[in-house]
């Protein structure tokens, strides 16, 4: 699934806080179609928060 693929692609130095899949409006993830991947992680002392649209 999309979350497992994203986790597998992370660099080993990335300390993951969360990685979740939602619908485009931040509701429950859809089984297919447009979605949004949200991440919060630390790289060194810096905490990064981001999101990206994805197609399932």
PDB file of N, CA and C in Angstrom:
ATOM      1  N   UNK A   1       0.827  -1.195   0.000  1.00  0.00           N
ATOM      2  CA  UNK A   1       0.000   0.000   0.000  1.00  0.00           C
ATOM      3  C   UNK A   1       0.872   1.260   0.000  1.00  0.00           C
ATOM      4  N   UNK A   2       0.265   2.418  -0.128  1.00  0.00           N
ATOM      5  CA  UNK A   2       1.014   3.680  -0.273  1.00  0.00           C
ATOM      6  C   UNK A   2       1.844   4.011   0.961  1.00  0.00           C
ATOM      7  N   UNK A   3       1.314   3.769   2.149  1.00  0.00           N
ATOM      8  CA  UNK A   3       2.047   4.087   3.381  1.00  0.00           C
ATOM      9  C   UNK A   3       3.261   3.171   3.518  1.00  0.00           C
ATOM     10  N   UNK A   4       3.097   1.902   3.241  1.00  0.00           N
ATOM     11  CA  UNK A   4       4.223   0.959   3.326  1.00  0.00           C
ATOM     12  C   UNK A   4       5.303   1.314   2.306  1.00  0.00           C
ATOM     13  N   UNK A   5       4.905   1.704   1.109  1.00  0.00           N
ATOM     14  CA  UNK A   5       5.878   2.095   0.085  1.00  0.00           C
ATOM     15  C   UNK A   5       6.634   3.346   0.509  1.00  0.00           C
ATOM     16  N   UNK A   6       5.935   4.307   1.100  1.00  0.00           N
ATOM     17  CA  UNK A   6       6.593   5.534   1.563  1.00  0.00           C
ATOM     18  C   UNK A   6       7.558   5.227   2.707  1.00  0.00           C
ATOM     19  N   UNK A   7       7.147   4.382   3.634  1.00  0.00           N
ATOM     20  CA  UNK A   7       8.039   3.997   4.744  1.00  0.00           C
ATOM     21  C   UNK A   7       9.309   3.329   4.211  1.00  0.00           C
ATOM     22  N   UNK A   8       9.152   2.468   3.246  1.00  0.00           N
ATOM     23  CA  UNK A   8      10.297   1.746   2.688  1.00  0.00           C
ATOM     24  C   UNK A   8      11.264   2.682   1.967  1.00  0.00           C
ATOM     25  N   UNK A   9      10.760   3.815   1.474  1.00  0.00           N
ATOM     26  CA  UNK A   9      11.599   4.753   0.724  1.00  0.00           C
ATOM     27  C   UNK A   9      12.346   5.740   1.617  1.00  0.00           C
ATOM     28  N   UNK A  10      12.023   5.777   2.911  1.00  0.00           N
ATOM     29  CA  UNK A  10      12.662   6.742   3.809  1.00  0.00           C
ATOM     30  C   UNK A  10      14.134   6.410   4.039  1.00  0.00           C
ATOM     31  N   UNK A  11      14.933   7.438   4.108  1.00  0.00           N
ATOM     32  CA  UNK A  11      16.358   7.289   4.434  1.00  0.00           C
ATOM     33  C   UNK A  11      16.470   6.805   5.880  1.00  0.00           C
ATOM     34  N   UNK A  12      17.447   5.973   6.215  1.00  0.00           N
ATOM     35  CA  UNK A  12      17.590   5.456   7.585  1.00  0.00           C
ATOM     36  C   UNK A  12      17.780   6.543   8.646  1.00  0.00           C
ATOM     37  N   UNK A  13      18.274   7.717   8.267  1.00  0.00           N
ATOM     38  CA  UNK A  13      18.481   8.797   9.238  1.00  0.00           C
ATOM     39  C   UNK A  13      17.212   9.582   9.549  1.00  0.00           C
ATOM     40  N   UNK A  14      16.109   9.257   8.887  1.00  0.00           N
ATOM     41  CA  UNK A  14      14.835   9.941   9.129  1.00  0.00           C
ATOM     42  C   UNK A  14      14.122   9.240  10.276  1.00  0.00           C
ATOM     43  N   UNK A  15      13.858   9.989  11.360  1.00  0.00           N
ATOM     44  CA  UNK A  15      13.121   9.447  12.513  1.00  0.00           C
ATOM     45  C   UNK A  15      11.652   9.822  12.338  1.00  0.00           C
ATOM     46  N   UNK A  16      10.848   8.870  11.948  1.00  0.00           N
ATOM     47  CA  UNK A  16       9.450   9.100  11.612  1.00  0.00           C
ATOM     48  C   UNK A  16       8.603   9.333  12.855  1.00  0.00           C
ATOM     49  N   UNK A  17       7.841  10.442  12.880  1.00  0.00           N
ATOM     50  CA  UNK A  17       6.849  10.676  13.932  1.00  0.00           C
ATOM     51  C   UNK A  17       5.511  10.091  13.495  1.00  0.00           C
ATOM     52  N   UNK A  18       5.071  10.448  12.281  1.00  0.00           N
ATOM     53  CA  UNK A  18       3.875   9.821  11.724  1.00  0.00           C
ATOM     54  C   UNK A  18       3.900   9.889  10.208  1.00  0.00           C
ATOM     55  N   UNK A  19       3.204   8.958   9.595  1.00  0.00           N
ATOM     56  CA  UNK A  19       3.021   8.888   8.155  1.00  0.00           C
ATOM     57  C   UNK A  19       1.633   8.307   7.949  1.00  0.00           C
ATOM     58  N   UNK A  20       0.710   9.120   7.462  1.00  0.00           N
ATOM     59  CA  UNK A  20      -0.678   8.676   7.324  1.00  0.00           C
ATOM     60  C   UNK A  20      -1.221   9.034   5.947  1.00  0.00           C
ATOM     61  N   UNK A  21      -2.193   8.281   5.525  1.00  0.00           N
ATOM     62  CA  UNK A  21      -2.887   8.500   4.266  1.00  0.00           C
ATOM     63  C   UNK A  21      -4.302   8.958   4.587  1.00  0.00           C
ATOM     64  N   UNK A  22      -4.755  10.023   3.925  1.00  0.00           N
ATOM     65  CA  UNK A  22      -6.112  10.527   4.120  1.00  0.00           C
ATOM     66  C   UNK A  22      -6.753  10.778   2.761  1.00  0.00           C
ATOM     67  N   UNK A  23      -8.048  11.106   2.768  1.00  0.00           N
ATOM     68  CA  UNK A  23      -8.649  11.587   1.528  1.00  0.00           C
ATOM     69  C   UNK A  23      -8.177  13.032   1.323  1.00  0.00           C
ATOM     70  N   UNK A  24      -8.424  13.643   0.172  1.00  0.00           N
ATOM     71  CA  UNK A  24      -7.916  14.996  -0.078  1.00  0.00           C
ATOM     72  C   UNK A  24      -8.380  16.038   0.943  1.00  0.00           C
ATOM     73  N   UNK A  25      -9.510  15.798   1.609  1.00  0.00           N
ATOM     74  CA  UNK A  25     -10.026  16.731   2.616  1.00  0.00           C
ATOM     75  C   UNK A  25      -9.659  16.314   4.035  1.00  0.00           C
ATOM     76  N   UNK A  26      -8.683  15.416   4.172  1.00  0.00           N
ATOM     77  CA  UNK A  26      -8.144  14.943   5.452  1.00  0.00           C
ATOM     78  C   UNK A  26      -9.078  14.012   6.211  1.00  0.00           C
ATOM     79  N   UNK A  27     -10.025  13.402   5.510  1.00  0.00           N
ATOM     80  CA  UNK A  27     -10.898  12.400   6.112  1.00  0.00           C
ATOM     81  C   UNK A  27     -10.274  11.017   5.985  1.00  0.00           C
ATOM     82  N   UNK A  28     -11.066   9.975   6.211  1.00  0.00           N
ATOM     83  CA  UNK A  28     -10.553   8.605   6.106  1.00  0.00           C
ATOM     84  C   UNK A  28      -9.979   8.330   4.713  1.00  0.00           C
ATOM     85  N   UNK A  29      -8.966   7.489   4.631  1.00  0.00           N
ATOM     86  CA  UNK A  29      -8.349   7.231   3.326  1.00  0.00           C
ATOM     87  C   UNK A  29      -9.307   6.508   2.379  1.00  0.00           C
ATOM     88  N   UNK A  30      -9.304   6.896   1.115  1.00  0.00           N
ATOM     89  CA  UNK A  30     -10.159   6.213   0.142  1.00  0.00           C
ATOM     90  C   UNK A  30      -9.515   4.903  -0.318  1.00  0.00           C
ATOM     91  N   UNK A  31     -10.305   3.956  -0.821  1.00  0.00           N
ATOM     92  CA  UNK A  31      -9.726   2.714  -1.337  1.00  0.00           C
ATOM     93  C   UNK A  31      -8.980   2.930  -2.656  1.00  0.00           C
ATOM     94  N   UNK A  32      -9.355   3.970  -3.398  1.00  0.00           N
ATOM     95  CA  UNK A  32      -8.681   4.296  -4.660  1.00  0.00           C
ATOM     96  C   UNK A  32      -8.971   5.751  -5.003  1.00  0.00           C
ATOM     97  N   UNK A  33      -8.252   6.261  -5.997  1.00  0.00           N
ATOM     98  CA  UNK A  33      -8.457   7.641  -6.431  1.00  0.00           C
ATOM     99  C   UNK A  33      -7.536   8.606  -5.713  1.00  0.00           C
ATOM    100  N   UNK A  34      -7.901   9.900  -5.711  1.00  0.00           N
ATOM    101  CA  UNK A  34      -7.041  10.908  -5.093  1.00  0.00           C
ATOM    102  C   UNK A  34      -6.984  10.757  -3.574  1.00  0.00           C
ATOM    103  N   UNK A  35      -5.808  11.002  -3.024  1.00  0.00           N
ATOM    104  CA  UNK A  35      -5.599  10.928  -1.576  1.00  0.00           C
ATOM    105  C   UNK A  35      -4.482  11.902  -1.211  1.00  0.00           C
ATOM    106  N   UNK A  36      -4.147  11.970   0.067  1.00  0.00           N
ATOM    107  CA  UNK A  36      -3.074  12.848   0.537  1.00  0.00           C
ATOM    108  C   UNK A  36      -2.241  12.075   1.546  1.00  0.00           C
ATOM    109  N   UNK A  37      -0.917  12.134   1.398  1.00  0.00           N
ATOM    110  CA  UNK A  37       0.027  11.482   2.294  1.00  0.00           C
ATOM    111  C   UNK A  37       0.631  12.549   3.194  1.00  0.00           C
ATOM    112  N   UNK A  38       0.488  12.386   4.518  1.00  0.00           N
ATOM    113  CA  UNK A  38       0.991  13.354   5.494  1.00  0.00           C
ATOM    114  C   UNK A  38       2.144  12.734   6.267  1.00  0.00           C
ATOM    115  N   UNK A  39       3.180  13.538   6.525  1.00  0.00           N
ATOM    116  CA  UNK A  39       4.354  13.033   7.237  1.00  0.00           C
ATOM    117  C   UNK A  39       4.865  14.073   8.223  1.00  0.00           C
ATOM    118  N   UNK A  40       5.328  13.592   9.355  1.00  0.00           N
ATOM    119  CA  UNK A  40       6.116  14.388  10.303  1.00  0.00           C
ATOM    120  C   UNK A  40       7.296  13.512  10.685  1.00  0.00           C
ATOM    121  N   UNK A  41       8.483  14.085  10.608  1.00  0.00           N
ATOM    122  CA  UNK A  41       9.695  13.313  10.881  1.00  0.00           C
ATOM    123  C   UNK A  41      10.808  14.241  11.328  1.00  0.00           C
ATOM    124  N   UNK A  42      11.791  13.675  12.013  1.00  0.00           N
ATOM    125  CA  UNK A  42      12.975  14.430  12.407  1.00  0.00           C
ATOM    126  C   UNK A  42      14.159  13.973  11.575  1.00  0.00           C
ATOM    127  N   UNK A  43      14.909  14.958  11.120  1.00  0.00           N
ATOM    128  CA  UNK A  43      16.183  14.712  10.451  1.00  0.00           C
ATOM    129  C   UNK A  43      17.198  15.512  11.251  1.00  0.00           C
ATOM    130  N   UNK A  44      17.990  14.810  12.037  1.00  0.00           N
ATOM    131  CA  UNK A  44      18.870  15.503  12.979  1.00  0.00           C
ATOM    132  C   UNK A  44      18.019  16.206  14.026  1.00  0.00           C
ATOM    133  N   UNK A  45      18.258  17.490  14.243  1.00  0.00           N
ATOM    134  CA  UNK A  45      17.497  18.264  15.226  1.00  0.00           C
ATOM    135  C   UNK A  45      16.296  18.968  14.605  1.00  0.00           C
ATOM    136  N   UNK A  46      16.086  18.807  13.299  1.00  0.00           N
ATOM    137  CA  UNK A  46      15.021  19.515  12.597  1.00  0.00           C
ATOM    138  C   UNK A  46      13.800  18.626  12.430  1.00  0.00           C
ATOM    139  N   UNK A  47      12.627  19.135  12.831  1.00  0.00           N
ATOM    140  CA  UNK A  47      11.374  18.404  12.620  1.00  0.00           C
ATOM    141  C   UNK A  47      10.723  18.926  11.349  1.00  0.00           C
ATOM    142  N   UNK A  48      10.402  18.024  10.464  1.00  0.00           N
ATOM    143  CA  UNK A  48       9.790  18.363   9.184  1.00  0.00           C
ATOM    144  C   UNK A  48       8.354  17.873   9.157  1.00  0.00           C
ATOM    145  N   UNK A  49       7.464  18.714   8.642  1.00  0.00           N
ATOM    146  CA  UNK A  49       6.051  18.364   8.485  1.00  0.00           C
ATOM    147  C   UNK A  49       5.673  18.709   7.051  1.00  0.00           C
ATOM    148  N   UNK A  50       5.078  17.747   6.337  1.00  0.00           N
ATOM    149  CA  UNK A  50       4.728  18.001   4.944  1.00  0.00           C
ATOM    150  C   UNK A  50       3.593  17.080   4.528  1.00  0.00           C
ATOM    151  N   UNK A  51       3.040  17.352   3.357  1.00  0.00           N
ATOM    152  CA  UNK A  51       2.018  16.491   2.780  1.00  0.00           C
ATOM    153  C   UNK A  51       2.127  16.589   1.268  1.00  0.00           C
ATOM    154  N   UNK A  52       1.583  15.576   0.602  1.00  0.00           N
ATOM    155  CA  UNK A  52       1.648  15.534  -0.854  1.00  0.00           C
ATOM    156  C   UNK A  52       0.406  14.815  -1.379  1.00  0.00           C
ATOM    157  N   UNK A  53      -0.166  15.326  -2.479  1.00  0.00           N
ATOM    158  CA  UNK A  53      -1.274  14.593  -3.093  1.00  0.00           C
ATOM    159  C   UNK A  53      -0.740  13.342  -3.787  1.00  0.00           C
ATOM    160  N   UNK A  54      -1.494  12.260  -3.680  1.00  0.00           N
ATOM    161  CA  UNK A  54      -1.134  11.005  -4.345  1.00  0.00           C
ATOM    162  C   UNK A  54      -2.375  10.421  -5.004  1.00  0.00           C
ATOM    163  N   UNK A  55      -2.165   9.571  -5.966  1.00  0.00           N
ATOM    164  CA  UNK A  55      -3.253   8.868  -6.638  1.00  0.00           C
ATOM    165  C   UNK A  55      -3.133   7.391  -6.292  1.00  0.00           C
ATOM    166  N   UNK A  56      -4.195   6.813  -5.736  1.00  0.00           N
ATOM    167  CA  UNK A  56      -4.177   5.397  -5.356  1.00  0.00           C
ATOM    168  C   UNK A  56      -4.719   4.539  -6.484  1.00  0.00           C
TER     169      UNK A  56
END
